[in-house]
Protein backbone atom coordinates (compact mmCIF):
# COMPACT_ATOMS: atom_id res chain seq x y z
CA MET A 1 28.49 -49.36 20.42
CA LYS A 2 29.47 -45.78 19.11
CA GLN A 3 30.18 -47.48 15.41
CA LEU A 4 26.60 -48.83 15.68
CA ASN A 5 25.20 -45.62 16.76
CA LEU A 6 27.13 -43.73 13.82
CA SER A 7 25.70 -46.42 11.32
CA ILE A 8 22.17 -46.07 12.28
CA LYS A 9 22.56 -42.29 12.32
CA SER A 10 23.82 -42.48 8.85
CA LYS A 11 21.07 -44.77 7.73
CA LEU A 12 18.39 -42.32 9.27
CA ALA A 13 20.16 -39.21 7.28
CA THR A 14 20.16 -41.34 3.81
CA ILE A 15 16.38 -42.25 4.61
CA LEU A 16 15.59 -38.67 5.27
CA VAL A 17 17.39 -37.38 2.21
CA SER A 18 15.49 -39.89 0.12
CA SER A 19 12.16 -38.97 1.59
CA LEU A 20 12.75 -35.48 0.70
CA ALA A 21 13.78 -36.27 -2.73
CA LEU A 22 10.60 -38.50 -3.25
CA TYR A 23 8.64 -35.61 -1.77
CA SER A 24 9.96 -33.32 -4.07
CA CYS A 25 9.35 -35.21 -7.30
CA SER A 26 5.77 -35.88 -5.78
CA ASN A 27 5.16 -31.98 -5.65
CA GLY A 28 6.40 -31.31 -9.06
CA THR A 29 9.72 -29.92 -8.26
CA SER A 30 12.86 -31.51 -9.53
CA ASN A 31 16.07 -31.92 -7.45
CA ALA A 32 17.78 -29.85 -10.30
CA GLU A 33 15.18 -26.84 -10.00
CA ILE A 34 15.65 -26.78 -6.03
CA ASN A 35 19.54 -26.95 -6.49
CA THR A 36 19.23 -23.79 -8.34
CA ALA A 37 17.68 -22.37 -5.05
CA ASP A 38 19.22 -23.02 -1.72
CA SER A 39 18.01 -26.11 0.07
CA LEU A 40 15.22 -28.72 0.01
CA TYR A 41 12.48 -28.61 2.83
CA PRO A 42 8.93 -29.70 3.11
CA PRO A 43 6.40 -26.91 2.31
CA VAL A 44 6.31 -23.80 4.50
CA GLU A 45 2.68 -24.13 4.98
CA THR A 46 1.47 -26.89 7.50
CA ASN A 47 -2.14 -25.93 8.27
CA ALA A 48 -4.86 -27.93 6.56
CA ALA A 49 -6.30 -26.17 3.67
CA ASN A 50 -9.95 -24.64 3.47
CA THR A 51 -10.81 -26.60 0.34
CA LYS A 52 -10.24 -29.74 -1.26
CA TYR A 53 -9.61 -28.33 -4.70
CA LYS A 54 -7.02 -29.78 -6.97
CA PRO A 55 -4.29 -27.65 -8.45
CA ALA A 56 -4.31 -27.34 -12.05
CA PHE A 57 -0.78 -28.60 -12.19
CA GLU A 58 1.95 -29.68 -9.97
CA GLY A 59 3.69 -27.16 -7.95
CA GLN A 60 0.97 -24.63 -8.21
CA THR A 61 0.46 -24.43 -4.19
CA ARG A 62 2.55 -25.85 -1.46
CA ILE A 63 5.72 -25.96 -3.25
CA ASN A 64 8.87 -26.98 -1.36
CA GLY A 65 10.52 -24.82 1.32
CA VAL A 66 13.79 -22.93 0.73
CA LYS A 67 16.00 -21.65 3.29
CA THR A 68 18.25 -18.50 2.94
CA LYS A 69 21.99 -19.66 3.78
CA THR A 70 23.47 -16.15 3.80
CA ALA A 71 22.70 -14.70 7.50
CA PHE A 72 20.55 -11.76 7.10
CA GLU A 73 18.44 -9.54 9.61
CA GLY A 74 15.59 -7.43 9.59
CA VAL A 75 16.08 -4.36 11.85
CA VAL A 76 13.42 -1.84 12.75
CA LEU A 77 14.32 1.72 11.81
CA ASN A 78 11.46 3.66 13.09
CA ALA A 79 7.92 3.00 14.45
CA THR A 80 6.41 6.26 14.42
CA LEU A 81 4.63 5.79 11.00
CA LYS A 82 0.81 6.21 10.82
CA SER A 83 -0.84 3.22 8.95
CA PRO A 84 1.72 3.55 6.18
CA TRP A 85 0.56 1.89 2.78
CA ASP A 86 3.18 2.31 0.26
CA ILE A 87 6.86 2.86 -0.02
CA THR A 88 9.06 3.56 -2.81
CA THR A 89 12.59 4.77 -3.37
CA LEU A 90 13.60 8.37 -4.09
CA PRO A 91 16.60 9.10 -6.55
CA ASP A 92 18.81 10.10 -3.52
CA GLY A 93 18.20 6.93 -1.79
CA ARG A 94 15.39 8.04 0.85
CA LEU A 95 12.14 6.38 0.86
CA LEU A 96 8.97 8.02 0.21
CA ILE A 97 5.94 6.42 2.33
CA SER A 98 2.11 7.08 1.65
CA GLU A 99 0.03 6.84 5.07
CA LYS A 100 -3.55 5.88 4.90
CA GLU A 101 -5.07 9.26 6.43
CA GLY A 102 -3.83 11.08 3.44
CA THR A 103 -0.49 12.32 4.00
CA LEU A 104 3.11 11.38 2.99
CA ARG A 105 6.40 10.94 4.64
CA ILE A 106 9.91 10.92 3.57
CA ALA A 107 12.29 8.46 5.70
CA THR A 108 16.12 8.09 5.44
CA THR A 109 17.61 4.87 5.55
CA ASP A 110 18.87 5.18 8.78
CA GLY A 111 15.04 5.75 10.26
CA LYS A 112 14.62 9.49 10.25
CA VAL A 113 11.12 10.32 9.33
CA SER A 114 10.01 13.71 7.93
CA GLU A 115 6.91 15.57 9.49
CA GLN A 116 3.72 14.67 7.20
CA ILE A 117 3.45 16.10 3.62
CA THR A 118 0.03 17.55 2.92
CA GLY A 119 -1.71 18.99 -0.08
CA LEU A 120 -3.24 15.81 -1.44
CA PRO A 121 -6.88 15.56 -2.32
CA LYS A 122 -9.21 14.40 0.39
CA VAL A 123 -9.51 10.43 0.71
CA ASP A 124 -12.23 8.04 2.17
CA THR A 125 -10.54 6.58 5.05
CA ASP A 126 -13.50 4.18 5.98
CA GLY A 127 -12.70 0.55 5.98
CA GLN A 128 -9.82 -0.36 3.32
CA GLY A 129 -10.13 2.88 1.74
CA GLY A 130 -7.46 5.88 2.17
CA LEU A 131 -4.12 6.98 0.45
CA LEU A 132 -3.06 3.85 -1.15
CA GLY A 133 -0.14 3.25 -3.63
CA LEU A 134 2.36 5.74 -5.00
CA THR A 135 5.23 5.81 -7.50
CA ILE A 136 7.53 8.77 -8.71
CA ASP A 137 7.99 9.98 -12.16
CA PRO A 138 11.05 8.56 -14.12
CA ASN A 139 12.18 12.01 -14.44
CA PHE A 140 11.60 13.09 -10.97
CA GLU A 141 14.86 14.75 -10.47
CA SER A 142 13.98 17.19 -13.02
CA ASN A 143 10.10 17.46 -12.52
CA ARG A 144 9.54 16.25 -8.98
CA MET A 145 6.24 14.85 -10.12
CA ILE A 146 4.58 11.96 -8.14
CA TYR A 147 1.59 9.86 -8.68
CA TRP A 148 -0.72 8.11 -6.30
CA VAL A 149 -3.85 6.23 -5.82
CA PHE A 150 -6.59 7.03 -3.20
CA SER A 151 -10.14 6.15 -2.46
CA GLU A 152 -12.00 9.25 -3.39
CA PRO A 153 -15.26 10.01 -1.66
CA SER A 154 -18.53 11.65 -2.93
CA ALA A 155 -22.02 11.99 -1.98
CA ASP A 156 -23.21 9.03 -4.07
CA GLY A 157 -20.18 6.62 -3.15
CA ASN A 158 -16.51 6.21 -3.72
CA LEU A 159 -14.11 4.98 -6.23
CA THR A 160 -10.37 4.09 -6.76
CA ALA A 161 -8.65 7.26 -8.35
CA VAL A 162 -5.49 8.08 -9.58
CA ALA A 163 -3.87 11.55 -9.08
CA LYS A 164 -0.46 13.39 -9.72
CA GLY A 165 1.27 16.40 -8.15
CA LYS A 166 4.67 18.02 -7.67
CA LEU A 167 6.44 17.55 -4.71
CA ALA A 168 7.49 21.02 -3.45
CA ALA A 169 11.05 21.84 -3.10
CA ASP A 170 10.67 22.15 0.66
CA GLU A 171 9.09 18.81 0.89
CA LYS A 172 6.23 19.91 2.91
CA THR A 173 3.33 19.77 0.48
CA VAL A 174 2.22 18.38 -2.92
CA GLU A 175 1.51 21.26 -5.48
CA ASN A 176 -1.06 21.46 -8.08
CA ALA A 177 -2.47 18.02 -7.22
CA SER A 178 -5.26 16.66 -9.75
CA VAL A 179 -7.06 13.57 -10.47
CA ILE A 180 -6.07 12.14 -13.64
CA TYR A 181 -8.36 8.92 -13.64
CA ARG A 182 -11.37 7.34 -11.93
CA ALA A 183 -12.33 3.56 -12.02
CA THR A 184 -16.17 4.23 -12.17
CA PRO A 185 -18.85 3.10 -11.36
CA ARG A 186 -18.86 4.46 -7.94
CA TYR A 187 -20.25 2.36 -5.15
CA LYS A 188 -21.24 2.89 -1.43
CA GLY A 189 -18.71 0.44 0.09
CA LYS A 190 -15.38 0.22 2.01
CA LEU A 191 -13.66 -2.65 0.48
CA HIS A 192 -11.42 -3.56 -2.40
CA TYR A 193 -10.18 -0.72 -3.90
CA GLY A 194 -6.83 -2.50 -5.42
CA GLY A 195 -4.64 0.56 -5.20
CA ARG A 196 -0.90 -0.25 -6.55
CA ILE A 197 0.71 1.82 -9.16
CA LEU A 198 3.99 1.60 -11.20
CA PHE A 199 5.52 2.99 -14.24
CA ASP A 200 6.27 0.58 -17.44
CA LYS A 201 9.04 0.71 -19.36
CA GLU A 202 7.38 3.01 -22.01
CA GLY A 203 6.52 5.50 -19.37
CA ASN A 204 2.85 4.57 -18.94
CA LEU A 205 1.33 3.90 -15.48
CA ILE A 206 -0.14 0.46 -14.45
CA VAL A 207 -2.76 0.88 -11.88
CA SER A 208 -4.68 -1.93 -10.22
CA THR A 209 -8.47 -1.67 -8.96
CA GLY A 210 -10.36 -3.94 -6.96
CA GLU A 211 -14.03 -5.23 -7.55
CA ARG A 212 -15.14 -3.78 -4.21
CA SER A 213 -15.78 -7.05 -2.99
CA ASP A 214 -19.47 -7.52 -2.41
CA LEU A 215 -21.77 -9.75 -4.46
CA GLU A 216 -23.57 -6.74 -6.22
CA THR A 217 -20.24 -5.52 -7.54
CA ARG A 218 -18.20 -8.68 -7.87
CA PRO A 219 -19.33 -9.55 -11.43
CA GLN A 220 -17.92 -6.30 -12.60
CA ALA A 221 -14.67 -7.86 -12.57
CA GLN A 222 -15.59 -9.73 -15.75
CA ASP A 223 -17.44 -6.55 -17.35
CA LEU A 224 -15.25 -4.74 -19.89
CA LYS A 225 -17.40 -1.73 -19.55
CA SER A 226 -16.35 -1.37 -15.98
CA GLY A 227 -13.32 -0.24 -14.28
CA LEU A 228 -13.57 -2.56 -11.22
CA GLY A 229 -11.51 -5.58 -10.89
CA LYS A 230 -8.92 -4.61 -13.47
CA ILE A 231 -5.44 -3.80 -14.05
CA VAL A 232 -5.55 -0.56 -16.22
CA ARG A 233 -2.58 1.02 -18.32
CA ILE A 234 -2.77 4.94 -18.73
CA THR A 235 -0.53 7.72 -19.67
CA THR A 236 0.56 10.28 -17.30
CA ASP A 237 -2.63 12.61 -18.26
CA GLY A 238 -4.95 9.39 -17.39
CA ALA A 239 -5.79 8.54 -20.98
CA ALA A 240 -5.60 5.02 -22.42
CA ALA A 241 -2.28 3.98 -23.14
CA ALA A 242 -1.25 3.32 -26.89
CA GLY A 243 -0.79 -0.39 -27.46
CA ASN A 244 -3.60 -1.35 -25.06
CA PRO A 245 -5.47 -4.70 -26.12
CA PHE A 246 -9.19 -3.21 -26.32
CA LEU A 247 -8.01 0.28 -27.68
CA GLY A 248 -10.65 1.30 -30.44
CA LYS A 249 -12.99 -1.60 -29.67
CA ALA A 250 -16.52 -0.75 -29.12
CA ASP A 251 -18.16 -1.12 -25.69
CA VAL A 252 -14.93 -1.82 -23.89
CA ARG A 253 -13.07 0.63 -21.76
CA PRO A 254 -9.83 1.32 -23.68
CA GLU A 255 -7.69 1.59 -20.60
CA ILE A 256 -8.18 -1.88 -19.45
CA TYR A 257 -5.00 -4.22 -19.77
CA SER A 258 -6.32 -7.09 -18.04
CA TYR A 259 -9.38 -8.19 -16.00
CA GLY A 260 -11.19 -10.82 -13.84
CA HIS A 261 -9.13 -9.62 -10.70
CA ARG A 262 -10.65 -9.39 -7.28
CA ASN A 263 -8.30 -7.27 -5.32
CA VAL A 264 -4.88 -6.64 -6.57
CA GLN A 265 -2.38 -5.21 -3.86
CA GLY A 266 0.78 -6.28 -5.28
CA LEU A 267 2.33 -5.22 -8.77
CA ALA A 268 6.03 -5.75 -9.99
CA ILE A 269 7.93 -5.96 -13.34
CA HIS A 270 10.42 -8.88 -13.56
CA PRO A 271 13.85 -7.41 -13.89
CA GLU A 272 15.21 -9.72 -16.38
CA THR A 273 12.00 -10.62 -18.47
CA GLY A 274 10.07 -7.43 -18.12
CA ASP A 275 7.00 -9.29 -17.28
CA LEU A 276 4.28 -7.79 -15.06
CA TRP A 277 3.52 -9.91 -12.19
CA GLU A 278 0.81 -9.45 -9.39
CA THR A 279 -0.67 -10.77 -6.29
CA GLU A 280 -4.18 -10.53 -5.39
CA PHE A 281 -6.32 -11.57 -2.46
CA GLY A 282 -8.93 -14.72 -2.65
CA PRO A 283 -11.74 -14.90 -0.26
CA ARG A 284 -11.01 -17.82 2.18
CA GLY A 285 -8.30 -19.54 0.31
CA GLY A 286 -7.28 -18.84 -2.97
CA ASP A 287 -4.63 -16.08 -3.03
CA GLU A 288 -3.12 -15.87 -6.22
CA LEU A 289 0.24 -14.84 -7.83
CA ASN A 290 -0.12 -14.17 -11.67
CA ARG A 291 1.85 -13.47 -14.66
CA ILE A 292 -0.03 -10.78 -16.24
CA GLU A 293 -0.50 -10.62 -20.29
CA SER A 294 -2.12 -8.13 -22.26
CA GLY A 295 -5.83 -8.75 -22.56
CA LYS A 296 -6.01 -11.63 -20.48
CA ASN A 297 -8.98 -13.02 -18.22
CA TYR A 298 -7.88 -14.11 -14.95
CA GLY A 299 -10.94 -15.49 -13.92
CA TRP A 300 -12.66 -13.90 -10.77
CA PRO A 301 -15.18 -14.59 -9.77
CA THR A 302 -16.11 -17.24 -12.18
CA ILE A 303 -13.00 -19.60 -11.03
CA THR A 304 -11.21 -19.55 -7.76
CA TYR A 305 -9.39 -21.57 -5.21
CA GLY A 306 -11.09 -20.11 -2.38
CA LEU A 307 -14.39 -20.21 -0.77
CA GLU A 308 -16.56 -17.48 0.54
CA TYR A 309 -15.82 -16.23 4.00
CA SER A 310 -19.09 -17.90 5.37
CA GLY A 311 -17.39 -21.45 4.07
CA GLU A 312 -19.88 -21.49 1.24
CA LYS A 313 -18.60 -22.17 -2.31
CA VAL A 314 -18.07 -19.32 -4.66
CA GLY A 315 -20.52 -19.23 -7.56
CA GLY A 316 -20.29 -22.72 -9.27
CA ALA A 317 -17.01 -23.81 -7.29
CA ILE A 318 -15.08 -23.92 -10.66
CA GLN A 319 -11.29 -23.94 -10.47
CA GLN A 320 -10.54 -24.25 -14.19
CA LYS A 321 -12.35 -23.08 -17.38
CA GLU A 322 -11.18 -22.46 -20.99
CA GLY A 323 -10.24 -19.03 -21.68
CA LEU A 324 -9.63 -18.04 -18.33
CA GLU A 325 -5.89 -17.92 -16.80
CA GLN A 326 -4.66 -20.05 -14.03
CA PRO A 327 -2.57 -18.52 -11.52
CA VAL A 328 0.96 -19.42 -11.41
CA TYR A 329 0.87 -20.00 -7.57
CA TYR A 330 -1.90 -19.90 -5.06
CA TRP A 331 -2.26 -20.00 -1.21
CA ASP A 332 -4.66 -21.97 0.89
CA PRO A 333 -5.12 -21.04 3.83
CA VAL A 334 -4.43 -17.44 2.54
CA VAL A 335 -1.24 -15.13 3.34
CA SER A 336 -3.22 -11.96 2.43
CA PRO A 337 -0.54 -10.74 -0.07
CA SER A 338 0.02 -6.87 -0.26
CA GLY A 339 3.01 -5.02 -1.74
CA ILE A 340 5.37 -7.05 -3.81
CA THR A 341 9.01 -6.51 -5.15
CA PHE A 342 11.76 -8.33 -7.20
CA TYR A 343 15.17 -8.35 -5.66
CA THR A 344 17.98 -7.34 -7.73
CA GLY A 345 20.87 -6.43 -5.15
CA ASP A 346 23.90 -8.26 -4.78
CA HIS A 347 24.06 -8.33 -0.81
CA ILE A 348 22.45 -11.78 -0.81
CA PRO A 349 23.22 -13.55 -3.96
CA GLU A 350 20.67 -16.36 -3.59
CA TRP A 351 17.95 -13.76 -3.27
CA LYS A 352 18.66 -12.48 -6.99
CA ASN A 353 15.48 -12.01 -8.94
CA ASN A 354 13.48 -13.53 -6.08
CA LEU A 355 9.65 -12.17 -5.51
CA PHE A 356 9.20 -10.86 -1.89
CA ILE A 357 5.52 -10.54 -0.78
CA SER A 358 4.18 -8.62 1.91
CA GLY A 359 1.88 -10.78 4.18
CA LEU A 360 -0.89 -9.03 6.17
CA SER A 361 -2.88 -11.87 7.92
CA SER A 362 0.10 -14.33 7.76
CA THR A 363 2.52 -11.61 9.56
CA HIS A 364 5.50 -12.57 7.33
CA ILE A 365 7.35 -11.77 4.25
CA ALA A 366 6.99 -14.44 1.67
CA ARG A 367 10.16 -15.24 -0.39
CA LEU A 368 9.52 -17.14 -3.70
CA VAL A 369 11.99 -18.68 -6.08
CA ILE A 370 10.73 -18.33 -9.49
CA LYS A 371 12.30 -20.37 -12.45
CA ASP A 372 10.80 -20.37 -16.15
CA ASN A 373 7.94 -18.62 -14.71
CA LYS A 374 7.05 -21.18 -12.17
CA VAL A 375 7.59 -21.02 -8.33
CA VAL A 376 10.13 -23.69 -7.44
CA GLY A 377 10.41 -22.54 -3.52
CA GLU A 378 8.90 -20.91 -0.67
CA GLU A 379 10.47 -19.04 2.42
CA ARG A 380 8.80 -17.08 5.37
CA LEU A 381 10.90 -14.27 6.60
CA LEU A 382 10.37 -12.18 9.72
CA ALA A 383 7.56 -14.34 10.92
CA LYS A 384 8.42 -13.73 14.46
CA GLU A 385 7.92 -10.03 14.21
CA GLY A 386 4.09 -10.67 14.29
CA GLN A 387 3.57 -7.73 12.01
CA ARG A 388 1.12 -7.00 9.27
CA PHE A 389 3.48 -6.26 6.46
CA ARG A 390 1.85 -3.96 4.11
CA ASP A 391 4.59 -3.09 1.05
CA ILE A 392 8.24 -3.93 0.41
CA THR A 393 10.68 -2.16 -1.82
CA GLN A 394 14.56 -2.31 -2.75
CA GLY A 395 16.53 0.70 -1.66
CA LYS A 396 19.29 2.49 -4.00
CA ASP A 397 21.82 0.52 -1.39
CA GLY A 398 20.58 -2.64 -2.20
CA ALA A 399 18.72 -3.64 0.83
CA LEU A 400 14.98 -4.38 1.32
CA TYR A 401 12.87 -2.05 3.27
CA ALA A 402 9.40 -2.87 4.40
CA ILE A 403 6.53 -1.27 6.19
CA THR A 404 3.82 -2.45 8.37
CA ASP A 405 0.00 -1.54 9.57
CA LEU A 406 1.47 -0.87 12.96
CA GLY A 407 3.79 1.74 11.64
CA ARG A 408 7.02 0.20 11.70
CA LEU A 409 9.80 0.65 8.90
CA TYR A 410 12.06 -2.18 8.57
CA LYS A 411 15.56 -2.71 6.83
CA ILE A 412 16.23 -6.31 5.66
CA ASP A 413 19.84 -7.03 4.63
CA LYS A 414 22.91 -9.17 5.00
CA LYS A 415 23.82 -9.47 8.71
CA LYS A 416 26.68 -7.15 9.37
């Protein structure tokens, strides 16, 4: 009888493996590709999609799941931050964090958090506005310069602005803060500011702006005379950077690097290829991961894999159009992707060069395995925490650090 049971179990195991292999092939991911990841699992998303739109290519959505083999843990280091929005690493290993109300904090990697750092320009905190993304100068150790994005208020509306200033020696204030760039036109709204910022290898700033969400402003994502719904590339003084795709062309803003974006809250540069990657929010479905190329149009609102929040179709309900870039990957239902980072550490080898995405409404961190510019595996981390993850970065110590809307600071690393 025992031999019969073993035989049945063996056959069931064979059927399961075969079924998963067939699923893999039907989903556009070969066994060879998955073997370069970790394991073979069904897609992590099991809920019904909002639409019946077909992807442009196999593997563009709901790719096979992967599971980290190395034991790891997410530990809460601190829970007293006030609506943190961005986290970046200082040269000495500490973490610089922006808070939505308009202040900065410095945290140690064991969870000690400084008093609020002040001296930044006033921010409009209504809705999605506030103090947003930040980054430090490549020469921070000598000049102590920091750069940040914020929603700037005025009597006739608000906008996404970029400022810079010097972190004082006592680390209590930011000195000589000045605005270097404004994504005009202004608009009386409270949504979709974009807001991430980073340095490229040439020492220029890459900044994302939102299209401000409303039907009135949405078409400006396609307007090259508008700063809305764009990724811009500027110098540390706010001028259009040399080599920009539209530099010197009439009736085009020279700072534009790419356009047709909805609300980009994730920016990261691939550690090996040097390519710029971004994540942006779709409406109801259609969150996107894109590999950004200079001068390209990423489609919003002309093409999308999402619906209006009302359930109505967006525009002509088009998903593909010549001249408009397809997302490398998209989610439906949404994960609400905010800050992102590539892992370059060696504590968890199977994470090498994987992309980690902070999920807001999805309340998890998505791990994507990328091979040859295609997503070949997806995993959900820290889903049981029930937190809206706002941003994630890698520390000098090789661990990942993440912040949540409720004020938590997490360390994610190999389990000790």
